[in-house]
C-alpha atoms as a PDB file:
ATOM      1  CA  MET A   1     -95.371  62.879 -29.941  1.00  0.00           C
ATOM      2  CA  ALA A   2     -94.715  66.302 -28.449  1.00  0.00           C
ATOM      3  CA  ASN A   3     -91.570  66.836 -26.368  1.00  0.00           C
ATOM      4  CA  ARG A   4     -92.854  67.083 -22.840  1.00  0.00           C
ATOM      5  CA  GLU A   5     -89.412  67.931 -21.406  1.00  0.00           C
ATOM      6  CA  LYS A   6     -89.287  71.403 -22.954  1.00  0.00           C
ATOM      7  CA  LEU A   7     -91.742  74.099 -23.866  1.00  0.00           C
ATOM      8  CA  THR A   8     -92.217  74.972 -27.519  1.00  0.00           C
ATOM      9  CA  ASP A   9     -91.831  78.610 -28.644  1.00  0.00           C
ATOM     10  CA  GLU A  10     -95.603  78.965 -28.865  1.00  0.00           C
ATOM     11  CA  GLU A  11     -96.152  77.558 -25.359  1.00  0.00           C
ATOM     12  CA  TRP A  12     -93.470  79.722 -23.873  1.00  0.00           C
ATOM     13  CA  SER A  13     -94.932  82.846 -25.512  1.00  0.00           C
ATOM     14  CA  SER A  14     -98.293  82.165 -23.828  1.00  0.00           C
ATOM     15  CA  ILE A  15     -96.651  81.622 -20.434  1.00  0.00           C
ATOM     16  CA  TYR A  16     -94.186  84.526 -20.627  1.00  0.00           C
ATOM     17  CA  ALA A  17     -96.988  86.954 -21.492  1.00  0.00           C
ATOM     18  CA  ILE A  18     -98.685  85.999 -18.196  1.00  0.00           C
ATOM     19  CA  LEU A  19     -95.442  86.173 -16.200  1.00  0.00           C
ATOM     20  CA  LEU A  20     -94.732  89.698 -17.462  1.00  0.00           C
ATOM     21  CA  ASN A  21     -97.948  90.898 -15.819  1.00  0.00           C
ATOM     22  CA  ASN A  22     -97.082  89.245 -12.521  1.00  0.00           C
ATOM     23  CA  LYS A  23     -95.153  91.690 -10.281  1.00  0.00           C
ATOM     24  CA  ARG A  24     -94.002  88.832  -8.037  1.00  0.00           C
ATOM     25  CA  VAL A  25     -91.955  87.219 -10.851  1.00  0.00           C
ATOM     26  CA  TYR A  26     -88.431  88.305 -11.852  1.00  0.00           C
ATOM     27  CA  THR A  27     -88.496  88.253 -15.658  1.00  0.00           C
ATOM     28  CA  ILE A  28     -85.695  90.571 -16.726  1.00  0.00           C
ATOM     29  CA  SER A  29     -83.828  87.714 -18.422  1.00  0.00           C
ATOM     30  CA  GLU A  30     -86.336  85.826 -20.595  1.00  0.00           C
ATOM     31  CA  ASN A  31     -83.879  83.043 -21.469  1.00  0.00           C
ATOM     32  CA  LYS A  32     -83.040  82.320 -17.814  1.00  0.00           C
ATOM     33  CA  CYS A  33     -86.703  82.318 -16.920  1.00  0.00           C
ATOM     34  CA  ARG A  34     -87.479  79.857 -19.708  1.00  0.00           C
ATOM     35  CA  ASP A  35     -84.558  77.610 -18.666  1.00  0.00           C
ATOM     36  CA  PHE A  36     -85.921  77.585 -15.111  1.00  0.00           C
ATOM     37  CA  VAL A  37     -89.435  76.500 -16.241  1.00  0.00           C
ATOM     38  CA  ASN A  38     -87.894  73.818 -18.487  1.00  0.00           C
ATOM     39  CA  ALA A  39     -85.887  72.560 -15.453  1.00  0.00           C
ATOM     40  CA  VAL A  40     -89.080  72.264 -13.389  1.00  0.00           C
ATOM     41  CA  ILE A  41     -90.718  70.336 -16.264  1.00  0.00           C
ATOM     42  CA  TRP A  42     -87.712  67.945 -16.325  1.00  0.00           C
ATOM     43  CA  ILE A  43     -88.182  67.279 -12.560  1.00  0.00           C
ATOM     44  CA  LEU A  44     -91.924  66.847 -13.041  1.00  0.00           C
ATOM     45  CA  ARG A  45     -91.549  64.452 -15.970  1.00  0.00           C
ATOM     46  CA  SER A  46     -88.674  62.359 -14.605  1.00  0.00           C
ATOM     47  CA  GLY A  47     -89.744  62.136 -10.936  1.00  0.00           C
ATOM     48  CA  ALA A  48     -86.122  62.547  -9.938  1.00  0.00           C
ATOM     49  CA  GLN A  49     -84.915  64.188  -6.751  1.00  0.00           C
ATOM     50  CA  TRP A  50     -84.117  67.884  -7.033  1.00  0.00           C
ATOM     51  CA  ARG A  51     -80.431  67.083  -6.279  1.00  0.00           C
ATOM     52  CA  LEU A  52     -80.292  64.890  -9.391  1.00  0.00           C
ATOM     53  CA  LEU A  53     -81.160  67.772 -11.756  1.00  0.00           C
ATOM     54  CA  PRO A  54     -78.574  67.692 -14.597  1.00  0.00           C
ATOM     55  CA  ALA A  55     -76.102  70.545 -14.625  1.00  0.00           C
ATOM     56  CA  SER A  56     -77.280  71.420 -18.142  1.00  0.00           C
ATOM     57  CA  GLN A  57     -80.634  72.329 -16.577  1.00  0.00           C
ATOM     58  CA  GLY A  58     -79.128  74.703 -13.987  1.00  0.00           C
ATOM     59  CA  LYS A  59     -77.971  74.466 -10.376  1.00  0.00           C
ATOM     60  CA  TRP A  60     -80.482  72.296  -8.530  1.00  0.00           C
ATOM     61  CA  ASN A  61     -80.533  74.434  -5.355  1.00  0.00           C
ATOM     62  CA  SER A  62     -81.128  77.651  -7.277  1.00  0.00           C
ATOM     63  CA  VAL A  63     -83.912  76.023  -9.296  1.00  0.00           C
ATOM     64  CA  PHE A  64     -85.561  74.610  -6.128  1.00  0.00           C
ATOM     65  CA  LYS A  65     -85.346  77.931  -4.267  1.00  0.00           C
ATOM     66  CA  ARG A  66     -86.882  79.797  -7.155  1.00  0.00           C
ATOM     67  CA  PHE A  67     -89.587  77.124  -7.451  1.00  0.00           C
ATOM     68  CA  ASP A  68     -90.311  77.497  -3.753  1.00  0.00           C
ATOM     69  CA  ARG A  69     -90.644  81.282  -4.097  1.00  0.00           C
ATOM     70  CA  TRP A  70     -93.083  80.829  -6.973  1.00  0.00           C
ATOM     71  CA  CYS A  71     -95.058  78.407  -4.749  1.00  0.00           C
ATOM     72  CA  SER A  72     -95.246  80.940  -1.932  1.00  0.00           C
ATOM     73  CA  ASN A  73     -96.397  83.634  -4.364  1.00  0.00           C
ATOM     74  CA  SER A  74     -99.019  81.390  -6.063  1.00  0.00           C
ATOM     75  CA  VAL A  75     -97.370  81.878  -9.442  1.00  0.00           C
ATOM     76  CA  TRP A  76     -98.069  78.342 -10.582  1.00  0.00           C
ATOM     77  CA  LYS A  77    -101.739  78.638  -9.640  1.00  0.00           C
ATOM     78  CA  ASP A  78    -101.970  81.944 -11.509  1.00  0.00           C
ATOM     79  CA  LEU A  79    -100.444  80.368 -14.611  1.00  0.00           C
ATOM     80  CA  HIS A  80    -102.829  77.407 -14.454  1.00  0.00           C
ATOM     81  CA  VAL A  81    -105.924  79.625 -14.121  1.00  0.00           C
ATOM     82  CA  LYS A  82    -104.941  82.075 -16.868  1.00  0.00           C
ATOM     83  CA  CYS A  83    -103.949  79.346 -19.311  1.00  0.00           C
ATOM     84  CA  ILE A  84    -107.400  77.754 -19.282  1.00  0.00           C
ATOM     85  CA  ARG A  85    -108.434  78.597 -22.857  1.00  0.00           C
ATOM     86  CA  ASP A  86    -112.131  78.946 -23.491  1.00  0.00           C
ATOM     87  CA  PRO A  87    -113.285  75.762 -21.618  1.00  0.00           C
ATOM     88  CA  ASP A  88    -116.035  73.741 -23.304  1.00  0.00           C
ATOM     89  CA  LEU A  89    -118.869  74.128 -20.776  1.00  0.00           C
ATOM     90  CA  GLN A  90    -121.415  71.977 -22.575  1.00  0.00           C
ATOM     91  CA  SER A  91    -120.470  69.508 -19.868  1.00  0.00           C
ATOM     92  CA  VAL A  92    -118.065  69.162 -16.968  1.00  0.00           C
ATOM     93  CA  PHE A  93    -116.691  65.782 -15.831  1.00  0.00           C
ATOM     94  CA  ALA A  94    -115.863  64.954 -12.216  1.00  0.00           C
ATOM     95  CA  ASP A  95    -113.836  62.029 -10.868  1.00  0.00           C
ATOM     96  CA  SER A  96    -110.903  61.137  -8.593  1.00  0.00           C
ATOM     97  CA  THR A  97    -107.712  59.135  -8.796  1.00  0.00           C
ATOM     98  CA  VAL A  98    -105.388  57.789  -6.132  1.00  0.00           C
ATOM     99  CA  ILE A  99    -101.716  58.911  -6.016  1.00  0.00           C
ATOM    100  CA  ARG A 100     -99.533  56.518  -4.118  1.00  0.00           C
ATOM    101  CA  ALA A 101     -97.208  58.111  -1.588  1.00  0.00           C
ATOM    102  CA  HIS A 102     -93.542  57.179  -1.556  1.00  0.00           C
ATOM    103  CA  ALA A 103     -91.853  56.546   1.743  1.00  0.00           C
ATOM    104  CA  CYS A 104     -89.903  59.840   1.447  1.00  0.00           C
ATOM    105  CA  ALA A 105     -93.200  61.780   1.490  1.00  0.00           C
ATOM    106  CA  ALA A 106     -93.707  60.936   5.181  1.00  0.00           C
ATOM    107  CA  GLY A 107     -92.247  62.767   8.168  1.00  0.00           C
ATOM    108  CA  ALA A 108     -92.686  66.437   7.342  1.00  0.00           C
ATOM    109  CA  ALA A 109     -91.277  68.413  10.231  1.00  0.00           C
ATOM    110  CA  GLY A 110     -93.848  70.326  12.294  1.00  0.00           C
ATOM    111  CA  SER A 111     -96.769  68.894  10.344  1.00  0.00           C
ATOM    112  CA  THR A 112     -99.134  65.930  10.218  1.00  0.00           C
ATOM    113  CA  ASN A 113    -100.175  63.429   7.615  1.00  0.00           C
ATOM    114  CA  GLN A 114    -103.645  65.000   7.396  1.00  0.00           C
ATOM    115  CA  ALA A 115    -102.185  68.479   6.792  1.00  0.00           C
ATOM    116  CA  GLU A 116    -100.020  67.131   3.968  1.00  0.00           C
ATOM    117  CA  GLY A 117    -102.801  65.114   2.303  1.00  0.00           C
ATOM    118  CA  LEU A 118    -101.454  61.705   3.312  1.00  0.00           C
ATOM    119  CA  GLY A 119    -103.867  58.958   4.313  1.00  0.00           C
ATOM    120  CA  ARG A 120    -103.850  55.206   4.672  1.00  0.00           C
ATOM    121  CA  SER A 121    -105.945  53.272   2.146  1.00  0.00           C
ATOM    122  CA  VAL A 122    -105.866  49.665   0.918  1.00  0.00           C
ATOM    123  CA  GLY A 123    -102.486  50.051  -0.814  1.00  0.00           C
ATOM    124  CA  GLY A 124    -100.812  52.000   1.976  1.00  0.00           C
ATOM    125  CA  TYR A 125    -100.181  55.721   2.291  1.00  0.00           C
ATOM    126  CA  SER A 126    -101.730  57.708  -0.548  1.00  0.00           C
ATOM    127  CA  THR A 127    -103.238  60.979  -1.653  1.00  0.00           C
ATOM    128  CA  LYS A 128    -106.442  61.364  -3.665  1.00  0.00           C
ATOM    129  CA  LEU A 129    -106.803  63.835  -6.502  1.00  0.00           C
ATOM    130  CA  HIS A 130    -110.362  65.029  -7.097  1.00  0.00           C
ATOM    131  CA  ALA A 131    -110.635  66.914 -10.363  1.00  0.00           C
ATOM    132  CA  ILE A 132    -113.072  68.490 -12.837  1.00  0.00           C
ATOM    133  CA  THR A 133    -112.397  68.848 -16.540  1.00  0.00           C
ATOM    134  CA  ASP A 134    -114.307  70.578 -19.289  1.00  0.00           C
ATOM    135  CA  GLY A 135    -116.158  68.789 -22.101  1.00  0.00           C
ATOM    136  CA  LEU A 136    -112.901  68.165 -24.011  1.00  0.00           C
ATOM    137  CA  GLY A 137    -111.098  66.661 -21.035  1.00  0.00           C
ATOM    138  CA  ASN A 138    -108.973  69.717 -20.262  1.00  0.00           C
ATOM    139  CA  PRO A 139    -108.398  70.512 -16.580  1.00  0.00           C
ATOM    140  CA  ILE A 140    -110.396  73.198 -14.785  1.00  0.00           C
ATOM    141  CA  ASP A 141    -109.662  72.704 -11.105  1.00  0.00           C
ATOM    142  CA  PHE A 142    -108.796  70.088  -8.495  1.00  0.00           C
ATOM    143  CA  VAL A 143    -108.824  69.262  -4.791  1.00  0.00           C
ATOM    144  CA  LEU A 144    -106.335  67.085  -2.880  1.00  0.00           C
ATOM    145  CA  THR A 145    -107.379  64.940   0.126  1.00  0.00           C
ATOM    146  CA  GLN A 146    -106.137  61.962   2.041  1.00  0.00           C
ATOM    147  CA  GLY A 147    -106.183  58.704   0.131  1.00  0.00           C
ATOM    148  CA  GLN A 148    -109.056  57.154   2.077  1.00  0.00           C
ATOM    149  CA  ALA A 149    -111.394  60.104   1.441  1.00  0.00           C
ATOM    150  CA  SER A 150    -114.622  59.296  -0.430  1.00  0.00           C
ATOM    151  CA  ASP A 151    -115.573  60.732  -3.793  1.00  0.00           C
ATOM    152  CA  ILE A 152    -118.929  62.008  -2.582  1.00  0.00           C
ATOM    153  CA  GLY A 153    -117.286  63.848   0.317  1.00  0.00           C
ATOM    154  CA  GLN A 154    -115.737  66.274  -2.185  1.00  0.00           C
ATOM    155  CA  GLY A 155    -118.770  66.384  -4.474  1.00  0.00           C
ATOM    156  CA  GLN A 156    -120.101  69.659  -3.076  1.00  0.00           C
ATOM    157  CA  ARG A 157    -116.673  71.299  -3.443  1.00  0.00           C
ATOM    158  CA  LEU A 158    -116.347  70.180  -7.099  1.00  0.00           C
ATOM    159  CA  VAL A 159    -119.783  71.541  -7.878  1.00  0.00           C
ATOM    160  CA  GLU A 160    -118.795  74.866  -6.341  1.00  0.00           C
ATOM    161  CA  LEU A 161    -115.636  74.938  -8.467  1.00  0.00           C
ATOM    162  CA  THR A 162    -117.638  74.275 -11.651  1.00  0.00           C
ATOM    163  CA  PRO A 163    -117.766  77.466 -13.813  1.00  0.00           C
ATOM    164  CA  THR A 164    -121.031  79.268 -14.232  1.00  0.00           C
ATOM    165  CA  GLY A 165    -122.758  78.477 -17.472  1.00  0.00           C
ATOM    166  CA  THR A 166    -122.025  74.745 -17.449  1.00  0.00           C
ATOM    167  CA  GLN A 167    -124.909  72.791 -18.937  1.00  0.00           C
ATOM    168  CA  ALA A 168    -124.271  69.297 -17.567  1.00  0.00           C
ATOM    169  CA  PHE A 169    -122.338  67.784 -14.637  1.00  0.00           C
ATOM    170  CA  MET A 170    -121.205  64.256 -15.368  1.00  0.00           C
ATOM    171  CA  ALA A 171    -119.855  61.756 -12.846  1.00  0.00           C
ATOM    172  CA  ASP A 172    -119.956  58.060 -12.030  1.00  0.00           C
ATOM    173  CA  LYS A 173    -122.408  56.473  -9.595  1.00  0.00           C
ATOM    174  CA  SER A 174    -120.200  57.117  -6.558  1.00  0.00           C
ATOM    175  CA  TYR A 175    -121.542  60.683  -6.766  1.00  0.00           C
ATOM    176  CA  ASP A 176    -125.173  59.551  -6.761  1.00  0.00           C
ATOM    177  CA  CYS A 177    -126.655  61.293  -3.730  1.00  0.00           C
ATOM    178  CA  ASP A 178    -129.885  63.344  -3.354  1.00  0.00           C
ATOM    179  CA  TRP A 179    -128.256  66.346  -1.749  1.00  0.00           C
ATOM    180  CA  LEU A 180    -125.532  66.491  -4.429  1.00  0.00           C
ATOM    181  CA  ILE A 181    -128.102  66.168  -7.260  1.00  0.00           C
ATOM    182  CA  ASP A 182    -129.985  69.109  -5.656  1.00  0.00           C
ATOM    183  CA  ALA A 183    -126.770  71.140  -5.484  1.00  0.00           C
ATOM    184  CA  ILE A 184    -126.086  70.484  -9.142  1.00  0.00           C
ATOM    185  CA  GLU A 185    -129.598  71.489 -10.180  1.00  0.00           C
ATOM    186  CA  GLN A 186    -129.453  74.627  -8.098  1.00  0.00           C
ATOM    187  CA  LYS A 187    -126.578  75.765 -10.387  1.00  0.00           C
ATOM    188  CA  ASN A 188    -128.912  75.195 -13.420  1.00  0.00           C
ATOM    189  CA  MET A 189    -126.988  72.091 -14.539  1.00  0.00           C
ATOM    190  CA  ILE A 190    -128.275  68.718 -15.575  1.00  0.00           C
ATOM    191  CA  ALA A 191    -126.891  65.868 -13.426  1.00  0.00           C
ATOM    192  CA  VAL A 192    -125.760  63.034 -15.692  1.00  0.00           C
ATOM    193  CA  ILE A 193    -125.011  60.470 -12.946  1.00  0.00           C
ATOM    194  CA  PRO A 194    -126.103  56.818 -13.010  1.00  0.00           C
ATOM    195  CA  SER A 195    -128.153  55.587 -10.072  1.00  0.00           C
ATOM    196  CA  LYS A 196    -126.626  53.247  -7.488  1.00  0.00           C
ATOM    197  CA  SER A 197    -127.962  49.713  -7.462  1.00  0.00           C
ATOM    198  CA  ASN A 198    -129.517  50.145  -4.039  1.00  0.00           C
ATOM    199  CA  ARG A 199    -131.711  53.099  -5.061  1.00  0.00           C
ATOM    200  CA  ILE A 200    -135.408  52.267  -4.556  1.00  0.00           C
ATOM    201  CA  THR A 201    -136.453  54.496  -7.419  1.00  0.00           C
ATOM    202  CA  PRO A 202    -133.655  54.717 -10.037  1.00  0.00           C
ATOM    203  CA  ARG A 203    -133.036  58.145 -11.513  1.00  0.00           C
ATOM    204  CA  GLN A 204    -133.134  58.795 -15.255  1.00  0.00           C
ATOM    205  CA  CYS A 205    -129.688  59.049 -16.793  1.00  0.00           C
ATOM    206  CA  ASP A 206    -128.716  59.753 -20.380  1.00  0.00           C
ATOM    207  CA  PHE A 207    -126.144  57.040 -20.965  1.00  0.00           C
ATOM    208  CA  PHE A 208    -125.651  58.227 -24.551  1.00  0.00           C
ATOM    209  CA  ALA A 209    -124.136  61.485 -23.265  1.00  0.00           C
ATOM    210  CA  TYR A 210    -122.484  59.675 -20.342  1.00  0.00           C
ATOM    211  CA  LYS A 211    -120.113  57.897 -22.748  1.00  0.00           C
ATOM    212  CA  GLU A 212    -118.155  61.136 -23.024  1.00  0.00           C
ATOM    213  CA  ARG A 213    -117.060  60.766 -19.391  1.00  0.00           C
ATOM    214  CA  HIS A 214    -114.052  58.676 -20.432  1.00  0.00           C
ATOM    215  CA  LEU A 215    -112.252  61.950 -21.238  1.00  0.00           C
ATOM    216  CA  ILE A 216    -111.532  62.574 -17.553  1.00  0.00           C
ATOM    217  CA  GLU A 217    -110.043  59.101 -17.290  1.00  0.00           C
ATOM    218  CA  CYS A 218    -107.840  59.977 -20.280  1.00  0.00           C
ATOM    219  CA  PHE A 219    -106.834  63.155 -18.485  1.00  0.00           C
ATOM    220  CA  PHE A 220    -105.725  61.218 -15.441  1.00  0.00           C
ATOM    221  CA  GLY A 221    -103.736  58.865 -17.668  1.00  0.00           C
ATOM    222  CA  LYS A 222    -101.989  61.805 -19.361  1.00  0.00           C
ATOM    223  CA  ILE A 223    -100.896  63.590 -16.175  1.00  0.00           C
ATOM    224  CA  LYS A 224     -99.579  60.350 -14.686  1.00  0.00           C
ATOM    225  CA  HIS A 225     -96.971  60.262 -17.463  1.00  0.00           C
ATOM    226  CA  TYR A 226     -95.363  62.869 -15.207  1.00  0.00           C
ATOM    227  CA  ARG A 227     -93.655  60.745 -12.544  1.00  0.00           C
ATOM    228  CA  HIS A 228     -93.975  63.428  -9.862  1.00  0.00           C
ATOM    229  CA  ILE A 229     -97.769  63.074 -10.259  1.00  0.00           C
ATOM    230  CA  PHE A 230     -97.818  59.323 -10.648  1.00  0.00           C
ATOM    231  CA  ALA A 231     -96.384  59.050  -7.094  1.00  0.00           C
ATOM    232  CA  HIS A 232     -96.327  61.446  -4.187  1.00  0.00           C
ATOM    233  CA  TYR A 233     -92.700  62.216  -3.344  1.00  0.00           C
ATOM    234  CA  GLU A 234     -92.759  65.638  -1.688  1.00  0.00           C
ATOM    235  CA  LYS A 235     -93.106  66.031   2.054  1.00  0.00           C
ATOM    236  CA  LYS A 236     -94.941  69.321   1.874  1.00  0.00           C
ATOM    237  CA  LEU A 237     -98.306  69.900   0.248  1.00  0.00           C
ATOM    238  CA  LYS A 238     -97.209  73.406  -0.633  1.00  0.00           C
ATOM    239  CA  ILE A 239     -94.732  71.809  -3.130  1.00  0.00           C
ATOM    240  CA  THR A 240     -97.127  69.075  -4.342  1.00  0.00           C
ATOM    241  CA  LEU A 241     -99.965  71.486  -5.216  1.00  0.00           C
ATOM    242  CA  PRO A 242     -97.863  73.756  -7.489  1.00  0.00           C
ATOM    243  CA  LEU A 243     -96.442  70.640  -9.221  1.00  0.00           C
ATOM    244  CA  LEU A 244    -100.017  69.617  -9.979  1.00  0.00           C
ATOM    245  CA  ASP A 245    -100.776  73.171 -11.186  1.00  0.00           C
ATOM    246  CA  SER A 246     -97.767  73.062 -13.524  1.00  0.00           C
ATOM    247  CA  CYS A 247     -98.821  69.671 -14.783  1.00  0.00           C
ATOM    248  CA  HIS A 248    -102.365  70.896 -15.430  1.00  0.00           C
ATOM    249  CA  LEU A 249    -100.831  73.866 -17.160  1.00  0.00           C
ATOM    250  CA  LEU A 250     -98.981  71.574 -19.562  1.00  0.00           C
ATOM    251  CA  SER A 251    -102.153  69.511 -20.083  1.00  0.00           C
ATOM    252  CA  SER A 252    -103.994  72.645 -21.141  1.00  0.00           C
ATOM    253  CA  PHE A 253    -101.443  73.013 -24.002  1.00  0.00           C
ATOM    254  CA  VAL A 254    -101.805  69.382 -25.107  1.00  0.00           C
ATOM    255  CA  GLU A 255    -105.534  69.350 -25.913  1.00  0.00           C
ATOM    256  CA  MET A 256    -107.086  65.915 -25.904  1.00  0.00           C
ATOM    257  CA  SER A 257    -109.397  66.783 -28.748  1.00  0.00           C
ATOM    258  CA  THR A 258    -108.971  69.567 -31.298  1.00  0.00           C
ATOM    259  CA  GLU A 259    -112.226  68.835 -33.084  1.00  0.00           C
ATOM    260  CA  PRO A 260    -115.363  70.600 -31.822  1.00  0.00           C
ATOM    261  CA  ARG A 261    -118.012  68.182 -30.624  1.00  0.00           C
ATOM    262  CA  ASN A 262    -121.207  67.723 -32.566  1.00  0.00           C
ATOM    263  CA  SER A 263    -123.729  70.157 -31.022  1.00  0.00           C
ATOM    264  CA  ILE A 264    -126.664  68.004 -32.328  1.00  0.00           C
ATOM    265  CA  PHE A 265    -125.359  65.111 -30.240  1.00  0.00           C
ATOM    266  CA  PHE A 266    -125.649  67.124 -27.054  1.00  0.00           C
ATOM    267  CA  GLU A 267    -128.915  68.845 -27.944  1.00  0.00           C
ATOM    268  CA  THR A 268    -130.421  65.368 -28.451  1.00  0.00           C
ATOM    269  CA  ALA A 269    -128.950  64.116 -25.200  1.00  0.00           C
ATOM    270  CA  PHE A 270    -130.322  67.032 -23.199  1.00  0.00           C
ATOM    271  CA  LEU A 271    -133.737  66.771 -24.819  1.00  0.00           C
ATOM    272  CA  LYS A 272    -133.890  63.142 -23.757  1.00  0.00           C
ATOM    273  CA  LEU A 273    -133.258  64.226 -20.145  1.00  0.00           C
ATOM    274  CA  ILE A 274    -135.913  66.931 -20.280  1.00  0.00           C
ATOM    275  CA  ASP A 275    -138.473  64.487 -21.683  1.00  0.00           C
END
């Protein structure tokens, strides 16, 4: 299994090339910059408080301040976007997962629970992560809401975030809604979404192609190996969002499938829908 506490030379080369072109990043010392990113990965993976960062990883306060500067300058978001490598747009998967909020996430000064993405659901305070992945289960984009927010409420936003050229938009039946289906078809995509049981006239759905949707569930399982994603510890959303960006960045390096999918499989699936 790959070491998720440190970047490999190949991974660092990809990241450093992007950082060199970012004028808001101080990259004179490559080794110090790499040590800083590895320290952030350690925090992300362990879920520990910043103050508990081992001395071997650097001074915790210096690492946190630099991380905060990168957050303010959208460096993590820039890395996430530029590290998306040729997404497989034969299909895009949409779904959501709940992130339980720890008690220390509450009480942000000068803010509200709604502003920080904290809501009360069945299990207590939580945040909900709405995400879209490409056909191989690699992350494309995400939205954070309060834990009690519905899936369909972010459906339009996820469709808007879907890259142009996507052939099919796959989601579970919680996204089955006429106006969302229309929005998907307006972007020239096929909606592969099962009908709800209370639909008077069930829609046609290609369940053969729908089986691929498990890849987004695998994606959620992978990112929750990072303890700072498994639970919501940070008080401020401006810290939580970059942590998610950095986690998605790492997920883009660990591809869930290195084998190209059989194009005949999808051609057959789409022909079934057209018929």
